[in-house]
Amino acid sequence: HWGTFINAVISFLIIALTLFIIVKVVTSLNNKRLQFEADAREAYYQKHPEERPVPVAPDAPKPTQEELLTAILAELKKQNGETEKKAE
């Protein structure tokens, strides 16, 4: 019985090591590809700076629900006032 157990342990270790190496190689290749793409993109933007995307403004504070509703109410009042002036 010990022979079967040792054989199973050795088989498990060989399979685990093989899968670990495969995952490690694939991850390494993916990281190299991403780095190459980033370097190529940066080189392109160095040659064509006008095509570089505009950076997004840092987290502008989002209006609260109350502020949004107040703005909507003001717009509705403004539109309602314009409609009444046209009716006269």
Foldseek 3Di string as FASTA:
>chain_A
DVVVVVVVVVVVVVVVVVVVVVVVVVVVVVVVVVVVVVVVVVVVCVVVVVPDDDDDDPDDDDDDPVVVVVVVVVVVVVVVVVVVVVVD
